[in-house]
Amino acid sequence: MSESAATEQRKKRGLIASVTLFLRQVVGELKKVVWPTRNELSTYFIVVIVFILAIMVYTGVLDFLFSKVVNWVFA
């Protein structure tokens, strides 16, 4: 089916039919998703929290060092 024919088909279908088709496709795609188990989810959660804390410490240390350098240069 050519692109213009597909566009023409969508115009004929109507709003309700288009929304229904969209929702059916969404449900079909969600059925394909492999959802993590509770154990995997808690592991991923802990990994993300530890990573965020590490980045916060790293940024805090850099901020502290840069502020000391700037105070030493300009004071």
PDB file of N, CA and C in Angstrom:
ATOM      1  N   MET A   1       0.862  -1.169   0.000  1.00  0.00           N
ATOM      2  CA  MET A   1       0.000   0.000   0.000  1.00  0.00           C
ATOM      3  C   MET A   1       0.905   1.228   0.000  1.00  0.00           C
ATOM      4  N   SER A   2       0.615   2.171  -0.897  1.00  0.00           N
ATOM      5  CA  SER A   2       1.437   3.365  -0.978  1.00  0.00           C
ATOM      6  C   SER A   2       1.127   4.309   0.183  1.00  0.00           C
ATOM      7  N   GLU A   3       2.008   5.287   0.336  1.00  0.00           N
ATOM      8  CA  GLU A   3       1.857   6.217   1.465  1.00  0.00           C
ATOM      9  C   GLU A   3       0.579   7.049   1.332  1.00  0.00           C
ATOM     10  N   SER A   4       0.232   7.473   0.120  1.00  0.00           N
ATOM     11  CA  SER A   4      -0.982   8.266  -0.058  1.00  0.00           C
ATOM     12  C   SER A   4      -2.232   7.406   0.188  1.00  0.00           C
ATOM     13  N   ALA A   5      -2.155   6.139  -0.166  1.00  0.00           N
ATOM     14  CA  ALA A   5      -3.290   5.250   0.075  1.00  0.00           C
ATOM     15  C   ALA A   5      -3.472   5.011   1.571  1.00  0.00           C
ATOM     16  N   ALA A   6      -2.350   4.910   2.296  1.00  0.00           N
ATOM     17  CA  ALA A   6      -2.432   4.722   3.746  1.00  0.00           C
ATOM     18  C   ALA A   6      -3.019   5.955   4.406  1.00  0.00           C
ATOM     19  N   THR A   7      -2.624   7.141   3.941  1.00  0.00           N
ATOM     20  CA  THR A   7      -3.171   8.380   4.482  1.00  0.00           C
ATOM     21  C   THR A   7      -4.664   8.473   4.196  1.00  0.00           C
ATOM     22  N   GLU A   8      -5.059   8.087   3.009  1.00  0.00           N
ATOM     23  CA  GLU A   8      -6.475   8.106   2.630  1.00  0.00           C
ATOM     24  C   GLU A   8      -7.267   7.126   3.497  1.00  0.00           C
ATOM     25  N   GLN A   9      -6.688   5.951   3.785  1.00  0.00           N
ATOM     26  CA  GLN A   9      -7.344   4.946   4.624  1.00  0.00           C
ATOM     27  C   GLN A   9      -7.561   5.503   6.035  1.00  0.00           C
ATOM     28  N   ARG A  10      -6.542   6.225   6.581  1.00  0.00           N
ATOM     29  CA  ARG A  10      -6.677   6.803   7.922  1.00  0.00           C
ATOM     30  C   ARG A  10      -7.783   7.850   7.954  1.00  0.00           C
ATOM     31  N   LYS A  11      -7.901   8.625   6.913  1.00  0.00           N
ATOM     32  CA  LYS A  11      -8.940   9.655   6.876  1.00  0.00           C
ATOM     33  C   LYS A  11     -10.324   9.023   6.892  1.00  0.00           C
ATOM     34  N   LYS A  12     -10.496   7.911   6.222  1.00  0.00           N
ATOM     35  CA  LYS A  12     -11.792   7.246   6.139  1.00  0.00           C
ATOM     36  C   LYS A  12     -12.153   6.572   7.465  1.00  0.00           C
ATOM     37  N   ARG A  13     -11.153   6.134   8.199  1.00  0.00           N
ATOM     38  CA  ARG A  13     -11.378   5.322   9.392  1.00  0.00           C
ATOM     39  C   ARG A  13     -12.142   6.072  10.476  1.00  0.00           C
ATOM     40  N   GLY A  14     -11.825   7.309  10.740  1.00  0.00           N
ATOM     41  CA  GLY A  14     -12.516   8.054  11.773  1.00  0.00           C
ATOM     42  C   GLY A  14     -11.714   8.091  13.060  1.00  0.00           C
ATOM     43  N   LEU A  15     -12.074   9.016  13.907  1.00  0.00           N
ATOM     44  CA  LEU A  15     -11.325   9.270  15.132  1.00  0.00           C
ATOM     45  C   LEU A  15     -11.432   8.109  16.117  1.00  0.00           C
ATOM     46  N   ILE A  16     -12.641   7.618  16.351  1.00  0.00           N
ATOM     47  CA  ILE A  16     -12.833   6.553  17.351  1.00  0.00           C
ATOM     48  C   ILE A  16     -12.105   5.291  16.921  1.00  0.00           C
ATOM     49  N   ALA A  17     -12.196   4.951  15.652  1.00  0.00           N
ATOM     50  CA  ALA A  17     -11.519   3.752  15.151  1.00  0.00           C
ATOM     51  C   ALA A  17     -10.000   3.910  15.247  1.00  0.00           C
ATOM     52  N   SER A  18      -9.494   5.106  14.989  1.00  0.00           N
ATOM     53  CA  SER A  18      -8.056   5.336  15.085  1.00  0.00           C
ATOM     54  C   SER A  18      -7.572   5.209  16.523  1.00  0.00           C
ATOM     55  N   VAL A  19      -8.324   5.764  17.456  1.00  0.00           N
ATOM     56  CA  VAL A  19      -7.951   5.676  18.866  1.00  0.00           C
ATOM     57  C   VAL A  19      -8.014   4.225  19.329  1.00  0.00           C
ATOM     58  N   THR A  20      -9.032   3.502  18.918  1.00  0.00           N
ATOM     59  CA  THR A  20      -9.165   2.094  19.289  1.00  0.00           C
ATOM     60  C   THR A  20      -7.996   1.276  18.745  1.00  0.00           C
ATOM     61  N   LEU A  21      -7.626   1.519  17.496  1.00  0.00           N
ATOM     62  CA  LEU A  21      -6.490   0.826  16.894  1.00  0.00           C
ATOM     63  C   LEU A  21      -5.206   1.143  17.653  1.00  0.00           C
ATOM     64  N   PHE A  22      -5.021   2.407  17.985  1.00  0.00           N
ATOM     65  CA  PHE A  22      -3.837   2.821  18.737  1.00  0.00           C
ATOM     66  C   PHE A  22      -3.769   2.100  20.085  1.00  0.00           C
ATOM     67  N   LEU A  23      -4.892   2.061  20.804  1.00  0.00           N
ATOM     68  CA  LEU A  23      -4.904   1.417  22.113  1.00  0.00           C
ATOM     69  C   LEU A  23      -4.644  -0.086  21.997  1.00  0.00           C
ATOM     70  N   ARG A  24      -5.192  -0.723  20.963  1.00  0.00           N
ATOM     71  CA  ARG A  24      -4.929  -2.152  20.756  1.00  0.00           C
ATOM     72  C   ARG A  24      -3.443  -2.392  20.490  1.00  0.00           C
ATOM     73  N   GLN A  25      -2.832  -1.514  19.724  1.00  0.00           N
ATOM     74  CA  GLN A  25      -1.417  -1.658  19.436  1.00  0.00           C
ATOM     75  C   GLN A  25      -0.574  -1.430  20.691  1.00  0.00           C
ATOM     76  N   VAL A  26      -0.970  -0.474  21.527  1.00  0.00           N
ATOM     77  CA  VAL A  26      -0.258  -0.228  22.779  1.00  0.00           C
ATOM     78  C   VAL A  26      -0.327  -1.461  23.676  1.00  0.00           C
ATOM     79  N   VAL A  27      -1.508  -2.035  23.830  1.00  0.00           N
ATOM     80  CA  VAL A  27      -1.669  -3.230  24.659  1.00  0.00           C
ATOM     81  C   VAL A  27      -0.845  -4.373  24.081  1.00  0.00           C
ATOM     82  N   GLY A  28      -0.838  -4.519  22.766  1.00  0.00           N
ATOM     83  CA  GLY A  28      -0.041  -5.568  22.129  1.00  0.00           C
ATOM     84  C   GLY A  28       1.443  -5.403  22.399  1.00  0.00           C
ATOM     85  N   GLU A  29       1.933  -4.173  22.348  1.00  0.00           N
ATOM     86  CA  GLU A  29       3.350  -3.930  22.635  1.00  0.00           C
ATOM     87  C   GLU A  29       3.663  -4.148  24.107  1.00  0.00           C
ATOM     88  N   LEU A  30       2.752  -3.771  24.990  1.00  0.00           N
ATOM     89  CA  LEU A  30       2.991  -3.976  26.424  1.00  0.00           C
ATOM     90  C   LEU A  30       3.033  -5.455  26.788  1.00  0.00           C
ATOM     91  N   LYS A  31       2.324  -6.287  26.036  1.00  0.00           N
ATOM     92  CA  LYS A  31       2.366  -7.729  26.292  1.00  0.00           C
ATOM     93  C   LYS A  31       3.726  -8.309  25.933  1.00  0.00           C
ATOM     94  N   LYS A  32       4.478  -7.647  25.070  1.00  0.00           N
ATOM     95  CA  LYS A  32       5.801  -8.118  24.658  1.00  0.00           C
ATOM     96  C   LYS A  32       6.886  -7.740  25.669  1.00  0.00           C
ATOM     97  N   VAL A  33       6.588  -6.801  26.556  1.00  0.00           N
ATOM     98  CA  VAL A  33       7.589  -6.314  27.504  1.00  0.00           C
ATOM     99  C   VAL A  33       7.907  -7.393  28.525  1.00  0.00           C
ATOM    100  N   VAL A  34       9.197  -7.552  28.810  1.00  0.00           N
ATOM    101  CA  VAL A  34       9.634  -8.467  29.857  1.00  0.00           C
ATOM    102  C   VAL A  34       9.830  -7.627  31.112  1.00  0.00           C
ATOM    103  N   TRP A  35       8.926  -7.749  32.051  1.00  0.00           N
ATOM    104  CA  TRP A  35       8.975  -6.941  33.256  1.00  0.00           C
ATOM    105  C   TRP A  35       9.952  -7.558  34.248  1.00  0.00           C
ATOM    106  N   PRO A  36      10.709  -6.719  34.992  1.00  0.00           N
ATOM    107  CA  PRO A  36      11.655  -7.277  35.963  1.00  0.00           C
ATOM    108  C   PRO A  36      10.925  -7.890  37.157  1.00  0.00           C
ATOM    109  N   THR A  37      11.580  -8.884  37.753  1.00  0.00           N
ATOM    110  CA  THR A  37      11.022  -9.484  38.956  1.00  0.00           C
ATOM    111  C   THR A  37      11.232  -8.526  40.123  1.00  0.00           C
ATOM    112  N   ARG A  38      10.605  -8.816  41.243  1.00  0.00           N
ATOM    113  CA  ARG A  38      10.748  -7.951  42.424  1.00  0.00           C
ATOM    114  C   ARG A  38      12.212  -7.904  42.863  1.00  0.00           C
ATOM    115  N   ASN A  39      12.906  -9.041  42.789  1.00  0.00           N
ATOM    116  CA  ASN A  39      14.304  -9.105  43.184  1.00  0.00           C
ATOM    117  C   ASN A  39      15.173  -8.251  42.246  1.00  0.00           C
ATOM    118  N   GLU A  40      14.948  -8.363  40.943  1.00  0.00           N
ATOM    119  CA  GLU A  40      15.690  -7.554  39.980  1.00  0.00           C
ATOM    120  C   GLU A  40      15.408  -6.078  40.186  1.00  0.00           C
ATOM    121  N   LEU A  41      14.158  -5.746  40.423  1.00  0.00           N
ATOM    122  CA  LEU A  41      13.771  -4.357  40.610  1.00  0.00           C
ATOM    123  C   LEU A  41      14.455  -3.752  41.836  1.00  0.00           C
ATOM    124  N   SER A  42      14.490  -4.495  42.938  1.00  0.00           N
ATOM    125  CA  SER A  42      15.155  -3.970  44.139  1.00  0.00           C
ATOM    126  C   SER A  42      16.653  -3.843  43.908  1.00  0.00           C
ATOM    127  N   THR A  43      17.254  -4.770  43.167  1.00  0.00           N
ATOM    128  CA  THR A  43      18.680  -4.671  42.854  1.00  0.00           C
ATOM    129  C   THR A  43      18.962  -3.433  42.005  1.00  0.00           C
ATOM    130  N   TYR A  44      18.166  -3.216  40.977  1.00  0.00           N
ATOM    131  CA  TYR A  44      18.347  -2.042  40.120  1.00  0.00           C
ATOM    132  C   TYR A  44      18.165  -0.760  40.922  1.00  0.00           C
ATOM    133  N   PHE A  45      17.183  -0.745  41.808  1.00  0.00           N
ATOM    134  CA  PHE A  45      16.923   0.423  42.639  1.00  0.00           C
ATOM    135  C   PHE A  45      18.143   0.746  43.506  1.00  0.00           C
ATOM    136  N   ILE A  46      18.705  -0.271  44.144  1.00  0.00           N
ATOM    137  CA  ILE A  46      19.871  -0.056  45.009  1.00  0.00           C
ATOM    138  C   ILE A  46      21.070   0.421  44.187  1.00  0.00           C
ATOM    139  N   VAL A  47      21.275  -0.151  43.018  1.00  0.00           N
ATOM    140  CA  VAL A  47      22.383   0.272  42.152  1.00  0.00           C
ATOM    141  C   VAL A  47      22.232   1.743  41.772  1.00  0.00           C
ATOM    142  N   VAL A  48      21.035   2.157  41.423  1.00  0.00           N
ATOM    143  CA  VAL A  48      20.801   3.553  41.035  1.00  0.00           C
ATOM    144  C   VAL A  48      21.038   4.480  42.221  1.00  0.00           C
ATOM    145  N   ILE A  49      20.551   4.128  43.404  1.00  0.00           N
ATOM    146  CA  ILE A  49      20.734   4.967  44.585  1.00  0.00           C
ATOM    147  C   ILE A  49      22.215   5.092  44.931  1.00  0.00           C
ATOM    148  N   VAL A  50      22.956   3.989  44.889  1.00  0.00           N
ATOM    149  CA  VAL A  50      24.397   4.027  45.184  1.00  0.00           C
ATOM    150  C   VAL A  50      25.118   4.895  44.154  1.00  0.00           C
ATOM    151  N   PHE A  51      24.776   4.751  42.895  1.00  0.00           N
ATOM    152  CA  PHE A  51      25.405   5.563  41.853  1.00  0.00           C
ATOM    153  C   PHE A  51      25.116   7.046  42.065  1.00  0.00           C
ATOM    154  N   ILE A  52      23.882   7.392  42.376  1.00  0.00           N
ATOM    155  CA  ILE A  52      23.530   8.795  42.622  1.00  0.00           C
ATOM    156  C   ILE A  52      24.291   9.338  43.822  1.00  0.00           C
ATOM    157  N   LEU A  53      24.394   8.554  44.893  1.00  0.00           N
ATOM    158  CA  LEU A  53      25.149   8.993  46.061  1.00  0.00           C
ATOM    159  C   LEU A  53      26.623   9.197  45.720  1.00  0.00           C
ATOM    160  N   ALA A  54      27.203   8.303  44.922  1.00  0.00           N
ATOM    161  CA  ALA A  54      28.604   8.448  44.514  1.00  0.00           C
ATOM    162  C   ALA A  54      28.806   9.727  43.713  1.00  0.00           C
ATOM    163  N   ILE A  55      27.905  10.012  42.791  1.00  0.00           N
ATOM    164  CA  ILE A  55      28.009  11.244  41.994  1.00  0.00           C
ATOM    165  C   ILE A  55      27.853  12.473  42.885  1.00  0.00           C
ATOM    166  N   MET A  56      26.958  12.405  43.882  1.00  0.00           N
ATOM    167  CA  MET A  56      26.777  13.535  44.810  1.00  0.00           C
ATOM    168  C   MET A  56      28.051  13.783  45.611  1.00  0.00           C
ATOM    169  N   VAL A  57      28.683  12.720  46.105  1.00  0.00           N
ATOM    170  CA  VAL A  57      29.925  12.880  46.871  1.00  0.00           C
ATOM    171  C   VAL A  57      31.015  13.448  45.981  1.00  0.00           C
ATOM    172  N   TYR A  58      31.153  12.904  44.776  1.00  0.00           N
ATOM    173  CA  TYR A  58      32.161  13.383  43.831  1.00  0.00           C
ATOM    174  C   TYR A  58      31.962  14.868  43.527  1.00  0.00           C
ATOM    175  N   THR A  59      30.737  15.260  43.241  1.00  0.00           N
ATOM    176  CA  THR A  59      30.440  16.660  42.941  1.00  0.00           C
ATOM    177  C   THR A  59      30.670  17.543  44.169  1.00  0.00           C
ATOM    178  N   GLY A  60      30.297  17.055  45.338  1.00  0.00           N
ATOM    179  CA  GLY A  60      30.509  17.822  46.564  1.00  0.00           C
ATOM    180  C   GLY A  60      31.983  18.047  46.846  1.00  0.00           C
ATOM    181  N   VAL A  61      32.800  17.020  46.652  1.00  0.00           N
ATOM    182  CA  VAL A  61      34.244  17.160  46.869  1.00  0.00           C
ATOM    183  C   VAL A  61      34.829  18.144  45.870  1.00  0.00           C
ATOM    184  N   LEU A  62      34.458  18.032  44.609  1.00  0.00           N
ATOM    185  CA  LEU A  62      34.949  18.990  43.611  1.00  0.00           C
ATOM    186  C   LEU A  62      34.515  20.415  43.944  1.00  0.00           C
ATOM    187  N   ASP A  63      33.284  20.588  44.360  1.00  0.00           N
ATOM    188  CA  ASP A  63      32.788  21.906  44.729  1.00  0.00           C
ATOM    189  C   ASP A  63      33.594  22.472  45.902  1.00  0.00           C
ATOM    190  N   PHE A  64      33.850  21.652  46.893  1.00  0.00           N
ATOM    191  CA  PHE A  64      34.628  22.079  48.049  1.00  0.00           C
ATOM    192  C   PHE A  64      36.047  22.484  47.631  1.00  0.00           C
ATOM    193  N   LEU A  65      36.687  21.652  46.806  1.00  0.00           N
ATOM    194  CA  LEU A  65      38.050  21.956  46.370  1.00  0.00           C
ATOM    195  C   LEU A  65      38.102  23.231  45.531  1.00  0.00           C
ATOM    196  N   PHE A  66      37.169  23.370  44.590  1.00  0.00           N
ATOM    197  CA  PHE A  66      37.152  24.566  43.758  1.00  0.00           C
ATOM    198  C   PHE A  66      36.882  25.819  44.583  1.00  0.00           C
ATOM    199  N   SER A  67      36.007  25.724  45.568  1.00  0.00           N
ATOM    200  CA  SER A  67      35.740  26.899  46.405  1.00  0.00           C
ATOM    201  C   SER A  67      36.981  27.273  47.217  1.00  0.00           C
ATOM    202  N   LYS A  68      37.735  26.283  47.700  1.00  0.00           N
ATOM    203  CA  LYS A  68      38.978  26.570  48.421  1.00  0.00           C
ATOM    204  C   LYS A  68      39.999  27.225  47.496  1.00  0.00           C
ATOM    205  N   VAL A  69      40.124  26.727  46.274  1.00  0.00           N
ATOM    206  CA  VAL A  69      41.068  27.309  45.301  1.00  0.00           C
ATOM    207  C   VAL A  69      40.654  28.741  44.977  1.00  0.00           C
ATOM    208  N   VAL A  70      39.381  28.960  44.720  1.00  0.00           N
ATOM    209  CA  VAL A  70      38.909  30.312  44.384  1.00  0.00           C
ATOM    210  C   VAL A  70      39.118  31.263  45.566  1.00  0.00           C
ATOM    211  N   ASN A  71      38.830  30.817  46.775  1.00  0.00           N
ATOM    212  CA  ASN A  71      39.081  31.667  47.957  1.00  0.00           C
ATOM    213  C   ASN A  71      40.558  31.954  48.128  1.00  0.00           C
ATOM    214  N   TRP A  72      41.416  31.001  47.837  1.00  0.00           N
ATOM    215  CA  TRP A  72      42.856  31.209  47.966  1.00  0.00           C
ATOM    216  C   TRP A  72      43.351  32.185  46.892  1.00  0.00           C
ATOM    217  N   VAL A  73      42.808  32.094  45.649  1.00  0.00           N
ATOM    218  CA  VAL A  73      43.254  32.978  44.567  1.00  0.00           C
ATOM    219  C   VAL A  73      42.766  34.402  44.788  1.00  0.00           C
ATOM    220  N   PHE A  74      41.524  34.585  45.188  1.00  0.00           N
ATOM    221  CA  PHE A  74      40.946  35.912  45.263  1.00  0.00           C
ATOM    222  C   PHE A  74      40.980  36.516  46.655  1.00  0.00           C
ATOM    223  N   ALA A  75      41.393  35.813  47.665  1.00  0.00           N
ATOM    224  CA  ALA A  75      41.411  36.363  49.020  1.00  0.00           C
ATOM    225  C   ALA A  75      42.775  36.912  49.376  1.00  0.00           C
TER     226      ALA A  75
END
